[in-house]
Amino acid sequence: MVADRRVRPTALLPLWHVAGFALGAVTAALGERAAMACTVAVEETIDAHYAAQEVELEDPALAEQAPELAGTIAAFRAEELEHRDIGLAHGAEQAPGYRLLSALIRTGCRVAIKLSERV
């Protein structure tokens, strides 16, 4: 028997809204390319998260519980990749300290995802 795995929003969502705004404001203050670097880092991290969810939903028992979920995740993932491509087209990789900035943002996003899965 498959455990009940309902999809629910995290209780941390209000915190992530504030953190996302702050991250956007800080990187925008650093310049357009830094803001685009932020976008790329966030979107690539979310894409990886969605890709893992798609793999998980290949389990027929899970897919049976929420048949429309796989399509929803695929659509969300495509949107994230579109945002990433926009960031790359607008000079994200030319941001000063791109590698470090990107690594810090990715790490923060991965931590947020892990916390959200638990809370």
PDB file of N, CA and C in Angstrom:
ATOM      1  N   MET A   1       0.835  -1.177   0.000  1.00  0.00           N
ATOM      2  CA  MET A   1       0.000   0.000   0.000  1.00  0.00           C
ATOM      3  C   MET A   1       0.883   1.245   0.000  1.00  0.00           C
ATOM      4  N   VAL A   2       0.591   2.165  -0.850  1.00  0.00           N
ATOM      5  CA  VAL A   2       1.350   3.411  -0.949  1.00  0.00           C
ATOM      6  C   VAL A   2       0.889   4.351   0.157  1.00  0.00           C
ATOM      7  N   ALA A   3       1.840   4.977   0.814  1.00  0.00           N
ATOM      8  CA  ALA A   3       1.509   5.941   1.861  1.00  0.00           C
ATOM      9  C   ALA A   3       0.766   7.127   1.257  1.00  0.00           C
ATOM     10  N   ASP A   4      -0.112   7.707   2.039  1.00  0.00           N
ATOM     11  CA  ASP A   4      -0.841   8.889   1.597  1.00  0.00           C
ATOM     12  C   ASP A   4       0.140  10.048   1.466  1.00  0.00           C
ATOM     13  N   ARG A   5       0.285  10.576   0.268  1.00  0.00           N
ATOM     14  CA  ARG A   5       1.254  11.644   0.003  1.00  0.00           C
ATOM     15  C   ARG A   5       0.535  12.806  -0.642  1.00  0.00           C
ATOM     16  N   ARG A   6      -0.291  13.456   0.119  1.00  0.00           N
ATOM     17  CA  ARG A   6      -1.041  14.590  -0.409  1.00  0.00           C
ATOM     18  C   ARG A   6      -0.101  15.750  -0.725  1.00  0.00           C
ATOM     19  N   VAL A   7      -0.461  16.470  -1.753  1.00  0.00           N
ATOM     20  CA  VAL A   7       0.288  17.666  -2.114  1.00  0.00           C
ATOM     21  C   VAL A   7      -0.302  18.817  -1.322  1.00  0.00           C
ATOM     22  N   ARG A   8       0.543  19.479  -0.579  1.00  0.00           N
ATOM     23  CA  ARG A   8       0.089  20.602   0.229  1.00  0.00           C
ATOM     24  C   ARG A   8       1.146  21.701   0.175  1.00  0.00           C
ATOM     25  N   PRO A   9       0.709  22.927   0.317  1.00  0.00           N
ATOM     26  CA  PRO A   9       1.706  24.004   0.372  1.00  0.00           C
ATOM     27  C   PRO A   9       2.448  23.951   1.702  1.00  0.00           C
ATOM     28  N   THR A  10       3.664  24.394   1.694  1.00  0.00           N
ATOM     29  CA  THR A  10       4.442  24.436   2.924  1.00  0.00           C
ATOM     30  C   THR A  10       3.938  25.548   3.833  1.00  0.00           C
ATOM     31  N   ALA A  11       4.049  25.321   5.119  1.00  0.00           N
ATOM     32  CA  ALA A  11       3.698  26.355   6.091  1.00  0.00           C
ATOM     33  C   ALA A  11       4.695  27.511   6.040  1.00  0.00           C
ATOM     34  N   LEU A  12       5.837  27.281   5.401  1.00  0.00           N
ATOM     35  CA  LEU A  12       6.876  28.301   5.305  1.00  0.00           C
ATOM     36  C   LEU A  12       6.672  29.265   4.129  1.00  0.00           C
ATOM     37  N   LEU A  13       5.609  29.076   3.373  1.00  0.00           N
ATOM     38  CA  LEU A  13       5.389  29.895   2.181  1.00  0.00           C
ATOM     39  C   LEU A  13       5.451  31.399   2.461  1.00  0.00           C
ATOM     40  N   PRO A  14       4.856  31.924   3.533  1.00  0.00           N
ATOM     41  CA  PRO A  14       4.989  33.370   3.787  1.00  0.00           C
ATOM     42  C   PRO A  14       6.444  33.800   3.961  1.00  0.00           C
ATOM     43  N   LEU A  15       7.230  32.976   4.625  1.00  0.00           N
ATOM     44  CA  LEU A  15       8.649  33.284   4.794  1.00  0.00           C
ATOM     45  C   LEU A  15       9.362  33.301   3.446  1.00  0.00           C
ATOM     46  N   TRP A  16       9.049  32.342   2.576  1.00  0.00           N
ATOM     47  CA  TRP A  16       9.707  32.278   1.265  1.00  0.00           C
ATOM     48  C   TRP A  16       9.321  33.470   0.397  1.00  0.00           C
ATOM     49  N   HIS A  17       8.107  33.986   0.567  1.00  0.00           N
ATOM     50  CA  HIS A  17       7.723  35.197  -0.183  1.00  0.00           C
ATOM     51  C   HIS A  17       8.608  36.378   0.226  1.00  0.00           C
ATOM     52  N   VAL A  18       8.803  36.538   1.517  1.00  0.00           N
ATOM     53  CA  VAL A  18       9.642  37.628   2.021  1.00  0.00           C
ATOM     54  C   VAL A  18      11.094  37.414   1.593  1.00  0.00           C
ATOM     55  N   ALA A  19      11.587  36.188   1.750  1.00  0.00           N
ATOM     56  CA  ALA A  19      12.973  35.886   1.376  1.00  0.00           C
ATOM     57  C   ALA A  19      13.191  36.094  -0.124  1.00  0.00           C
ATOM     58  N   GLY A  20      12.231  35.689  -0.931  1.00  0.00           N
ATOM     59  CA  GLY A  20      12.341  35.872  -2.379  1.00  0.00           C
ATOM     60  C   GLY A  20      12.372  37.342  -2.762  1.00  0.00           C
ATOM     61  N   PHE A  21      11.524  38.126  -2.113  1.00  0.00           N
ATOM     62  CA  PHE A  21      11.523  39.571  -2.367  1.00  0.00           C
ATOM     63  C   PHE A  21      12.870  40.175  -1.986  1.00  0.00           C
ATOM     64  N   ALA A  22      13.360  39.795  -0.810  1.00  0.00           N
ATOM     65  CA  ALA A  22      14.638  40.336  -0.334  1.00  0.00           C
ATOM     66  C   ALA A  22      15.779  39.922  -1.262  1.00  0.00           C
ATOM     67  N   LEU A  23      15.795  38.680  -1.665  1.00  0.00           N
ATOM     68  CA  LEU A  23      16.841  38.203  -2.578  1.00  0.00           C
ATOM     69  C   LEU A  23      16.780  38.967  -3.898  1.00  0.00           C
ATOM     70  N   GLY A  24      15.588  39.157  -4.415  1.00  0.00           N
ATOM     71  CA  GLY A  24      15.433  39.916  -5.648  1.00  0.00           C
ATOM     72  C   GLY A  24      15.885  41.360  -5.498  1.00  0.00           C
ATOM     73  N   ALA A  25      15.531  41.975  -4.379  1.00  0.00           N
ATOM     74  CA  ALA A  25      15.914  43.373  -4.143  1.00  0.00           C
ATOM     75  C   ALA A  25      17.429  43.525  -4.022  1.00  0.00           C
ATOM     76  N   VAL A  26      18.049  42.608  -3.291  1.00  0.00           N
ATOM     77  CA  VAL A  26      19.506  42.682  -3.112  1.00  0.00           C
ATOM     78  C   VAL A  26      20.225  42.472  -4.438  1.00  0.00           C
ATOM     79  N   THR A  27      19.826  41.464  -5.185  1.00  0.00           N
ATOM     80  CA  THR A  27      20.528  41.211  -6.448  1.00  0.00           C
ATOM     81  C   THR A  27      20.234  42.308  -7.467  1.00  0.00           C
ATOM     82  N   ALA A  28      19.031  42.868  -7.444  1.00  0.00           N
ATOM     83  CA  ALA A  28      18.721  43.990  -8.342  1.00  0.00           C
ATOM     84  C   ALA A  28      19.586  45.201  -8.002  1.00  0.00           C
ATOM     85  N   ALA A  29      19.834  45.410  -6.709  1.00  0.00           N
ATOM     86  CA  ALA A  29      20.689  46.521  -6.288  1.00  0.00           C
ATOM     87  C   ALA A  29      22.124  46.327  -6.780  1.00  0.00           C
ATOM     88  N   LEU A  30      22.507  45.078  -6.984  1.00  0.00           N
ATOM     89  CA  LEU A  30      23.848  44.782  -7.511  1.00  0.00           C
ATOM     90  C   LEU A  30      23.933  44.991  -9.023  1.00  0.00           C
ATOM     91  N   GLY A  31      22.781  45.116  -9.667  1.00  0.00           N
ATOM     92  CA  GLY A  31      22.750  45.353 -11.102  1.00  0.00           C
ATOM     93  C   GLY A  31      21.904  44.321 -11.837  1.00  0.00           C
ATOM     94  N   GLU A  32      21.558  44.676 -13.073  1.00  0.00           N
ATOM     95  CA  GLU A  32      20.679  43.817 -13.872  1.00  0.00           C
ATOM     96  C   GLU A  32      21.259  42.423 -14.063  1.00  0.00           C
ATOM     97  N   ARG A  33      22.556  42.329 -14.332  1.00  0.00           N
ATOM     98  CA  ARG A  33      23.150  41.009 -14.560  1.00  0.00           C
ATOM     99  C   ARG A  33      23.121  40.152 -13.292  1.00  0.00           C
ATOM    100  N   ALA A  34      23.302  40.770 -12.136  1.00  0.00           N
ATOM    101  CA  ALA A  34      23.215  40.022 -10.879  1.00  0.00           C
ATOM    102  C   ALA A  34      21.783  39.535 -10.651  1.00  0.00           C
ATOM    103  N   ALA A  35      20.805  40.370 -10.979  1.00  0.00           N
ATOM    104  CA  ALA A  35      19.405  39.946 -10.863  1.00  0.00           C
ATOM    105  C   ALA A  35      19.125  38.782 -11.807  1.00  0.00           C
ATOM    106  N   MET A  36      19.697  38.830 -12.994  1.00  0.00           N
ATOM    107  CA  MET A  36      19.515  37.730 -13.941  1.00  0.00           C
ATOM    108  C   MET A  36      20.244  36.467 -13.464  1.00  0.00           C
ATOM    109  N   ALA A  37      21.404  36.647 -12.836  1.00  0.00           N
ATOM    110  CA  ALA A  37      22.126  35.506 -12.265  1.00  0.00           C
ATOM    111  C   ALA A  37      21.297  34.851 -11.175  1.00  0.00           C
ATOM    112  N   CYS A  38      20.631  35.664 -10.382  1.00  0.00           N
ATOM    113  CA  CYS A  38      19.741  35.154  -9.342  1.00  0.00           C
ATOM    114  C   CYS A  38      18.616  34.340  -9.973  1.00  0.00           C
ATOM    115  N   THR A  39      18.019  34.883 -11.006  1.00  0.00           N
ATOM    116  CA  THR A  39      16.933  34.184 -11.696  1.00  0.00           C
ATOM    117  C   THR A  39      17.409  32.831 -12.204  1.00  0.00           C
ATOM    118  N   VAL A  40      18.549  32.802 -12.842  1.00  0.00           N
ATOM    119  CA  VAL A  40      19.074  31.550 -13.393  1.00  0.00           C
ATOM    120  C   VAL A  40      19.316  30.529 -12.274  1.00  0.00           C
ATOM    121  N   ALA A  41      19.936  30.954 -11.192  1.00  0.00           N
ATOM    122  CA  ALA A  41      20.240  30.037 -10.094  1.00  0.00           C
ATOM    123  C   ALA A  41      18.966  29.473  -9.471  1.00  0.00           C
ATOM    124  N   VAL A  42      17.987  30.329  -9.238  1.00  0.00           N
ATOM    125  CA  VAL A  42      16.729  29.878  -8.648  1.00  0.00           C
ATOM    126  C   VAL A  42      16.020  28.919  -9.587  1.00  0.00           C
ATOM    127  N   GLU A  43      15.899  29.311 -10.847  1.00  0.00           N
ATOM    128  CA  GLU A  43      15.143  28.495 -11.801  1.00  0.00           C
ATOM    129  C   GLU A  43      15.803  27.141 -12.052  1.00  0.00           C
ATOM    130  N   GLU A  44      17.113  27.096 -12.108  1.00  0.00           N
ATOM    131  CA  GLU A  44      17.789  25.811 -12.310  1.00  0.00           C
ATOM    132  C   GLU A  44      17.612  24.901 -11.096  1.00  0.00           C
ATOM    133  N   THR A  45      17.608  25.481  -9.912  1.00  0.00           N
ATOM    134  CA  THR A  45      17.408  24.677  -8.712  1.00  0.00           C
ATOM    135  C   THR A  45      15.988  24.128  -8.664  1.00  0.00           C
ATOM    136  N   ILE A  46      15.026  24.963  -8.988  1.00  0.00           N
ATOM    137  CA  ILE A  46      13.633  24.514  -9.004  1.00  0.00           C
ATOM    138  C   ILE A  46      13.426  23.478 -10.100  1.00  0.00           C
ATOM    139  N   ASP A  47      14.069  23.664 -11.247  1.00  0.00           N
ATOM    140  CA  ASP A  47      13.979  22.679 -12.321  1.00  0.00           C
ATOM    141  C   ASP A  47      14.459  21.308 -11.841  1.00  0.00           C
ATOM    142  N   ALA A  48      15.571  21.274 -11.142  1.00  0.00           N
ATOM    143  CA  ALA A  48      16.089  19.997 -10.634  1.00  0.00           C
ATOM    144  C   ALA A  48      15.100  19.369  -9.653  1.00  0.00           C
ATOM    145  N   HIS A  49      14.470  20.193  -8.834  1.00  0.00           N
ATOM    146  CA  HIS A  49      13.471  19.702  -7.883  1.00  0.00           C
ATOM    147  C   HIS A  49      12.277  19.108  -8.630  1.00  0.00           C
ATOM    148  N   TYR A  50      11.791  19.817  -9.627  1.00  0.00           N
ATOM    149  CA  TYR A  50      10.670  19.310 -10.418  1.00  0.00           C
ATOM    150  C   TYR A  50      11.054  18.033 -11.180  1.00  0.00           C
ATOM    151  N   ALA A  51      12.271  17.982 -11.691  1.00  0.00           N
ATOM    152  CA  ALA A  51      12.718  16.778 -12.410  1.00  0.00           C
ATOM    153  C   ALA A  51      12.693  15.559 -11.482  1.00  0.00           C
ATOM    154  N   ALA A  52      13.120  15.752 -10.244  1.00  0.00           N
ATOM    155  CA  ALA A  52      13.082  14.650  -9.274  1.00  0.00           C
ATOM    156  C   ALA A  52      11.641  14.236  -8.981  1.00  0.00           C
ATOM    157  N   GLN A  53      10.741  15.200  -8.919  1.00  0.00           N
ATOM    158  CA  GLN A  53       9.332  14.876  -8.693  1.00  0.00           C
ATOM    159  C   GLN A  53       8.746  14.112  -9.876  1.00  0.00           C
ATOM    160  N   GLU A  54       9.148  14.489 -11.088  1.00  0.00           N
ATOM    161  CA  GLU A  54       8.668  13.762 -12.270  1.00  0.00           C
ATOM    162  C   GLU A  54       9.113  12.305 -12.228  1.00  0.00           C
ATOM    163  N   VAL A  55      10.349  12.066 -11.837  1.00  0.00           N
ATOM    164  CA  VAL A  55      10.858  10.695 -11.727  1.00  0.00           C
ATOM    165  C   VAL A  55      10.053   9.931 -10.678  1.00  0.00           C
ATOM    166  N   GLU A  56       9.803  10.570  -9.559  1.00  0.00           N
ATOM    167  CA  GLU A  56       9.024   9.934  -8.490  1.00  0.00           C
ATOM    168  C   GLU A  56       7.628   9.552  -8.980  1.00  0.00           C
ATOM    169  N   LEU A  57       7.039  10.409  -9.798  1.00  0.00           N
ATOM    170  CA  LEU A  57       5.684  10.155 -10.297  1.00  0.00           C
ATOM    171  C   LEU A  57       5.636   9.094 -11.390  1.00  0.00           C
ATOM    172  N   GLU A  58       6.792   8.576 -11.800  1.00  0.00           N
ATOM    173  CA  GLU A  58       6.798   7.458 -12.738  1.00  0.00           C
ATOM    174  C   GLU A  58       6.319   6.175 -12.062  1.00  0.00           C
ATOM    175  N   ASP A  59       6.324   6.157 -10.728  1.00  0.00           N
ATOM    176  CA  ASP A  59       5.782   5.037  -9.971  1.00  0.00           C
ATOM    177  C   ASP A  59       4.271   5.008 -10.222  1.00  0.00           C
ATOM    178  N   PRO A  60       3.755   3.942 -10.846  1.00  0.00           N
ATOM    179  CA  PRO A  60       2.325   3.897 -11.177  1.00  0.00           C
ATOM    180  C   PRO A  60       1.401   4.106  -9.977  1.00  0.00           C
ATOM    181  N   ALA A  61       1.790   3.624  -8.812  1.00  0.00           N
ATOM    182  CA  ALA A  61       0.945   3.790  -7.635  1.00  0.00           C
ATOM    183  C   ALA A  61       0.827   5.261  -7.256  1.00  0.00           C
ATOM    184  N   LEU A  62       1.919   6.002  -7.360  1.00  0.00           N
ATOM    185  CA  LEU A  62       1.867   7.439  -7.061  1.00  0.00           C
ATOM    186  C   LEU A  62       1.112   8.191  -8.142  1.00  0.00           C
ATOM    187  N   ALA A  63       1.371   7.847  -9.379  1.00  0.00           N
ATOM    188  CA  ALA A  63       0.703   8.519 -10.494  1.00  0.00           C
ATOM    189  C   ALA A  63      -0.806   8.310 -10.420  1.00  0.00           C
ATOM    190  N   GLU A  64      -1.216   7.156  -9.927  1.00  0.00           N
ATOM    191  CA  GLU A  64      -2.638   6.843  -9.805  1.00  0.00           C
ATOM    192  C   GLU A  64      -3.325   7.726  -8.764  1.00  0.00           C
ATOM    193  N   GLN A  65      -2.594   8.117  -7.727  1.00  0.00           N
ATOM    194  CA  GLN A  65      -3.171   8.949  -6.668  1.00  0.00           C
ATOM    195  C   GLN A  65      -3.494  10.359  -7.152  1.00  0.00           C
ATOM    196  N   ALA A  66      -2.712  10.877  -8.064  1.00  0.00           N
ATOM    197  CA  ALA A  66      -2.918  12.235  -8.563  1.00  0.00           C
ATOM    198  C   ALA A  66      -2.545  12.273 -10.041  1.00  0.00           C
ATOM    199  N   PRO A  67      -3.415  11.752 -10.891  1.00  0.00           N
ATOM    200  CA  PRO A  67      -3.064  11.604 -12.308  1.00  0.00           C
ATOM    201  C   PRO A  67      -2.732  12.904 -13.032  1.00  0.00           C
ATOM    202  N   GLU A  68      -3.294  14.014 -12.599  1.00  0.00           N
ATOM    203  CA  GLU A  68      -3.026  15.287 -13.274  1.00  0.00           C
ATOM    204  C   GLU A  68      -1.746  15.950 -12.779  1.00  0.00           C
ATOM    205  N   LEU A  69      -1.182  15.468 -11.691  1.00  0.00           N
ATOM    206  CA  LEU A  69      -0.023  16.113 -11.084  1.00  0.00           C
ATOM    207  C   LEU A  69       1.203  16.091 -11.998  1.00  0.00           C
ATOM    208  N   ALA A  70       1.449  15.002 -12.690  1.00  0.00           N
ATOM    209  CA  ALA A  70       2.616  14.908 -13.571  1.00  0.00           C
ATOM    210  C   ALA A  70       2.561  15.983 -14.662  1.00  0.00           C
ATOM    211  N   GLY A  71       1.394  16.195 -15.229  1.00  0.00           N
ATOM    212  CA  GLY A  71       1.249  17.224 -16.257  1.00  0.00           C
ATOM    213  C   GLY A  71       1.451  18.619 -15.700  1.00  0.00           C
ATOM    214  N   THR A  72       0.960  18.838 -14.505  1.00  0.00           N
ATOM    215  CA  THR A  72       1.129  20.142 -13.846  1.00  0.00           C
ATOM    216  C   THR A  72       2.600  20.415 -13.579  1.00  0.00           C
ATOM    217  N   ILE A  73       3.294  19.423 -13.056  1.00  0.00           N
ATOM    218  CA  ILE A  73       4.723  19.591 -12.771  1.00  0.00           C
ATOM    219  C   ILE A  73       5.498  19.822 -14.060  1.00  0.00           C
ATOM    220  N   ALA A  74       5.167  19.100 -15.119  1.00  0.00           N
ATOM    221  CA  ALA A  74       5.851  19.287 -16.401  1.00  0.00           C
ATOM    222  C   ALA A  74       5.647  20.717 -16.916  1.00  0.00           C
ATOM    223  N   ALA A  75       4.443  21.234 -16.773  1.00  0.00           N
ATOM    224  CA  ALA A  75       4.165  22.607 -17.222  1.00  0.00           C
ATOM    225  C   ALA A  75       4.930  23.622 -16.375  1.00  0.00           C
ATOM    226  N   PHE A  76       4.947  23.421 -15.061  1.00  0.00           N
ATOM    227  CA  PHE A  76       5.703  24.311 -14.181  1.00  0.00           C
ATOM    228  C   PHE A  76       7.185  24.276 -14.528  1.00  0.00           C
ATOM    229  N   ARG A  77       7.683  23.059 -14.774  1.00  0.00           N
ATOM    230  CA  ARG A  77       9.112  22.906 -15.093  1.00  0.00           C
ATOM    231  C   ARG A  77       9.461  23.644 -16.385  1.00  0.00           C
ATOM    232  N   ALA A  78       8.618  23.531 -17.392  1.00  0.00           N
ATOM    233  CA  ALA A  78       8.861  24.228 -18.659  1.00  0.00           C
ATOM    234  C   ALA A  78       8.896  25.742 -18.441  1.00  0.00           C
ATOM    235  N   GLU A  79       8.034  26.238 -17.569  1.00  0.00           N
ATOM    236  CA  GLU A  79       8.010  27.670 -17.274  1.00  0.00           C
ATOM    237  C   GLU A  79       9.297  28.108 -16.566  1.00  0.00           C
ATOM    238  N   GLU A  80       9.775  27.294 -15.638  1.00  0.00           N
ATOM    239  CA  GLU A  80      11.026  27.614 -14.942  1.00  0.00           C
ATOM    240  C   GLU A  80      12.190  27.670 -15.930  1.00  0.00           C
ATOM    241  N   LEU A  81      12.231  26.735 -16.856  1.00  0.00           N
ATOM    242  CA  LEU A  81      13.310  26.716 -17.852  1.00  0.00           C
ATOM    243  C   LEU A  81      13.231  27.919 -18.786  1.00  0.00           C
ATOM    244  N   GLU A  82      12.024  28.349 -19.074  1.00  0.00           N
ATOM    245  CA  GLU A  82      11.855  29.557 -19.892  1.00  0.00           C
ATOM    246  C   GLU A  82      12.425  30.768 -19.161  1.00  0.00           C
ATOM    247  N   HIS A  83      12.149  30.865 -17.862  1.00  0.00           N
ATOM    248  CA  HIS A  83      12.696  31.969 -17.066  1.00  0.00           C
ATOM    249  C   HIS A  83      14.222  31.907 -17.026  1.00  0.00           C
ATOM    250  N   ARG A  84      14.760  30.700 -16.863  1.00  0.00           N
ATOM    251  CA  ARG A  84      16.219  30.532 -16.865  1.00  0.00           C
ATOM    252  C   ARG A  84      16.808  31.042 -18.178  1.00  0.00           C
ATOM    253  N   ASP A  85      16.181  30.654 -19.291  1.00  0.00           N
ATOM    254  CA  ASP A  85      16.681  31.067 -20.602  1.00  0.00           C
ATOM    255  C   ASP A  85      16.642  32.584 -20.771  1.00  0.00           C
ATOM    256  N   ILE A  86      15.620  33.220 -20.228  1.00  0.00           N
ATOM    257  CA  ILE A  86      15.541  34.688 -20.278  1.00  0.00           C
ATOM    258  C   ILE A  86      16.707  35.294 -19.498  1.00  0.00           C
ATOM    259  N   GLY A  87      16.978  34.746 -18.310  1.00  0.00           N
ATOM    260  CA  GLY A  87      18.096  35.233 -17.507  1.00  0.00           C
ATOM    261  C   GLY A  87      19.422  35.081 -18.232  1.00  0.00           C
ATOM    262  N   LEU A  88      19.623  33.942 -18.866  1.00  0.00           N
ATOM    263  CA  LEU A  88      20.863  33.719 -19.616  1.00  0.00           C
ATOM    264  C   LEU A  88      20.969  34.680 -20.796  1.00  0.00           C
ATOM    265  N   ALA A  89      19.854  34.909 -21.476  1.00  0.00           N
ATOM    266  CA  ALA A  89      19.850  35.823 -22.624  1.00  0.00           C
ATOM    267  C   ALA A  89      20.134  37.266 -22.212  1.00  0.00           C
ATOM    268  N   HIS A  90      19.885  37.589 -20.949  1.00  0.00           N
ATOM    269  CA  HIS A  90      20.097  38.950 -20.460  1.00  0.00           C
ATOM    270  C   HIS A  90      21.381  39.090 -19.646  1.00  0.00           C
ATOM    271  N   GLY A  91      22.340  38.228 -19.886  1.00  0.00           N
ATOM    272  CA  GLY A  91      23.677  38.422 -19.346  1.00  0.00           C
ATOM    273  C   GLY A  91      23.957  37.893 -17.955  1.00  0.00           C
ATOM    274  N   ALA A  92      23.181  36.932 -17.489  1.00  0.00           N
ATOM    275  CA  ALA A  92      23.384  36.395 -16.138  1.00  0.00           C
ATOM    276  C   ALA A  92      24.822  35.955 -15.898  1.00  0.00           C
ATOM    277  N   GLU A  93      25.395  35.281 -16.864  1.00  0.00           N
ATOM    278  CA  GLU A  93      26.738  34.721 -16.679  1.00  0.00           C
ATOM    279  C   GLU A  93      27.836  35.789 -16.691  1.00  0.00           C
ATOM    280  N   GLN A  94      27.486  37.011 -17.072  1.00  0.00           N
ATOM    281  CA  GLN A  94      28.453  38.107 -17.058  1.00  0.00           C
ATOM    282  C   GLN A  94      28.386  38.919 -15.763  1.00  0.00           C
ATOM    283  N   ALA A  95      27.533  38.485 -14.832  1.00  0.00           N
ATOM    284  CA  ALA A  95      27.436  39.202 -13.549  1.00  0.00           C
ATOM    285  C   ALA A  95      28.752  39.071 -12.794  1.00  0.00           C
ATOM    286  N   PRO A  96      29.189  40.133 -12.135  1.00  0.00           N
ATOM    287  CA  PRO A  96      30.393  40.025 -11.302  1.00  0.00           C
ATOM    288  C   PRO A  96      30.199  38.944 -10.239  1.00  0.00           C
ATOM    289  N   GLY A  97      31.169  38.072 -10.113  1.00  0.00           N
ATOM    290  CA  GLY A  97      31.088  37.003  -9.118  1.00  0.00           C
ATOM    291  C   GLY A  97      30.007  35.982  -9.408  1.00  0.00           C
ATOM    292  N   TYR A  98      29.698  35.778 -10.690  1.00  0.00           N
ATOM    293  CA  TYR A  98      28.594  34.893 -11.083  1.00  0.00           C
ATOM    294  C   TYR A  98      28.667  33.527 -10.412  1.00  0.00           C
ATOM    295  N   ARG A  99      29.813  32.895 -10.447  1.00  0.00           N
ATOM    296  CA  ARG A  99      29.913  31.539  -9.899  1.00  0.00           C
ATOM    297  C   ARG A  99      29.607  31.510  -8.407  1.00  0.00           C
ATOM    298  N   LEU A 100      30.178  32.449  -7.666  1.00  0.00           N
ATOM    299  CA  LEU A 100      29.950  32.499  -6.227  1.00  0.00           C
ATOM    300  C   LEU A 100      28.498  32.865  -5.919  1.00  0.00           C
ATOM    301  N   LEU A 101      28.002  33.897  -6.570  1.00  0.00           N
ATOM    302  CA  LEU A 101      26.617  34.325  -6.363  1.00  0.00           C
ATOM    303  C   LEU A 101      25.653  33.190  -6.669  1.00  0.00           C
ATOM    304  N   SER A 102      25.869  32.543  -7.791  1.00  0.00           N
ATOM    305  CA  SER A 102      25.011  31.431  -8.197  1.00  0.00           C
ATOM    306  C   SER A 102      25.071  30.285  -7.193  1.00  0.00           C
ATOM    307  N   ALA A 103      26.258  29.950  -6.736  1.00  0.00           N
ATOM    308  CA  ALA A 103      26.419  28.854  -5.770  1.00  0.00           C
ATOM    309  C   ALA A 103      25.703  29.170  -4.458  1.00  0.00           C
ATOM    310  N   LEU A 104      25.816  30.404  -3.990  1.00  0.00           N
ATOM    311  CA  LEU A 104      25.152  30.794  -2.747  1.00  0.00           C
ATOM    312  C   LEU A 104      23.632  30.718  -2.885  1.00  0.00           C
ATOM    313  N   ILE A 105      23.123  31.209  -3.991  1.00  0.00           N
ATOM    314  CA  ILE A 105      21.678  31.206  -4.209  1.00  0.00           C
ATOM    315  C   ILE A 105      21.162  29.778  -4.363  1.00  0.00           C
ATOM    316  N   ARG A 106      21.870  28.952  -5.101  1.00  0.00           N
ATOM    317  CA  ARG A 106      21.454  27.544  -5.269  1.00  0.00           C
ATOM    318  C   ARG A 106      21.408  26.831  -3.920  1.00  0.00           C
ATOM    319  N   THR A 107      22.417  27.073  -3.106  1.00  0.00           N
ATOM    320  CA  THR A 107      22.458  26.442  -1.787  1.00  0.00           C
ATOM    321  C   THR A 107      21.265  26.891  -0.951  1.00  0.00           C
ATOM    322  N   GLY A 108      20.996  28.176  -0.954  1.00  0.00           N
ATOM    323  CA  GLY A 108      19.835  28.683  -0.222  1.00  0.00           C
ATOM    324  C   GLY A 108      18.536  28.075  -0.711  1.00  0.00           C
ATOM    325  N   CYS A 109      18.410  27.935  -2.014  1.00  0.00           N
ATOM    326  CA  CYS A 109      17.197  27.341  -2.582  1.00  0.00           C
ATOM    327  C   CYS A 109      17.060  25.872  -2.180  1.00  0.00           C
ATOM    328  N   ARG A 110      18.165  25.142  -2.226  1.00  0.00           N
ATOM    329  CA  ARG A 110      18.106  23.720  -1.843  1.00  0.00           C
ATOM    330  C   ARG A 110      17.731  23.572  -0.371  1.00  0.00           C
ATOM    331  N   VAL A 111      18.259  24.444   0.478  1.00  0.00           N
ATOM    332  CA  VAL A 111      17.901  24.419   1.899  1.00  0.00           C
ATOM    333  C   VAL A 111      16.408  24.730   2.051  1.00  0.00           C
ATOM    334  N   ALA A 112      15.925  25.733   1.343  1.00  0.00           N
ATOM    335  CA  ALA A 112      14.508  26.097   1.423  1.00  0.00           C
ATOM    336  C   ALA A 112      13.618  24.936   0.984  1.00  0.00           C
ATOM    337  N   ILE A 113      14.006  24.243  -0.067  1.00  0.00           N
ATOM    338  CA  ILE A 113      13.229  23.102  -0.548  1.00  0.00           C
ATOM    339  C   ILE A 113      13.196  21.998   0.511  1.00  0.00           C
ATOM    340  N   LYS A 114      14.344  21.686   1.076  1.00  0.00           N
ATOM    341  CA  LYS A 114      14.412  20.642   2.111  1.00  0.00           C
ATOM    342  C   LYS A 114      13.558  21.005   3.316  1.00  0.00           C
ATOM    343  N   LEU A 115      13.652  22.247   3.763  1.00  0.00           N
ATOM    344  CA  LEU A 115      12.826  22.687   4.889  1.00  0.00           C
ATOM    345  C   LEU A 115      11.342  22.608   4.544  1.00  0.00           C
ATOM    346  N   SER A 116      11.004  23.026   3.334  1.00  0.00           N
ATOM    347  CA  SER A 116       9.602  23.016   2.908  1.00  0.00           C
ATOM    348  C   SER A 116       9.030  21.605   2.822  1.00  0.00           C
ATOM    349  N   GLU A 117       9.863  20.650   2.511  1.00  0.00           N
ATOM    350  CA  GLU A 117       9.388  19.262   2.439  1.00  0.00           C
ATOM    351  C   GLU A 117       9.060  18.717   3.828  1.00  0.00           C
ATOM    352  N   ARG A 118       9.599  19.340   4.852  1.00  0.00           N
ATOM    353  CA  ARG A 118       9.406  18.857   6.211  1.00  0.00           C
ATOM    354  C   ARG A 118       8.364  19.663   7.005  1.00  0.00           C
ATOM    355  N   VAL A 119       8.146  20.906   6.592  1.00  0.00           N
ATOM    356  CA  VAL A 119       7.251  21.784   7.372  1.00  0.00           C
ATOM    357  C   VAL A 119       6.004  22.100   6.573  1.00  0.00           C
TER     358      VAL A 119
END
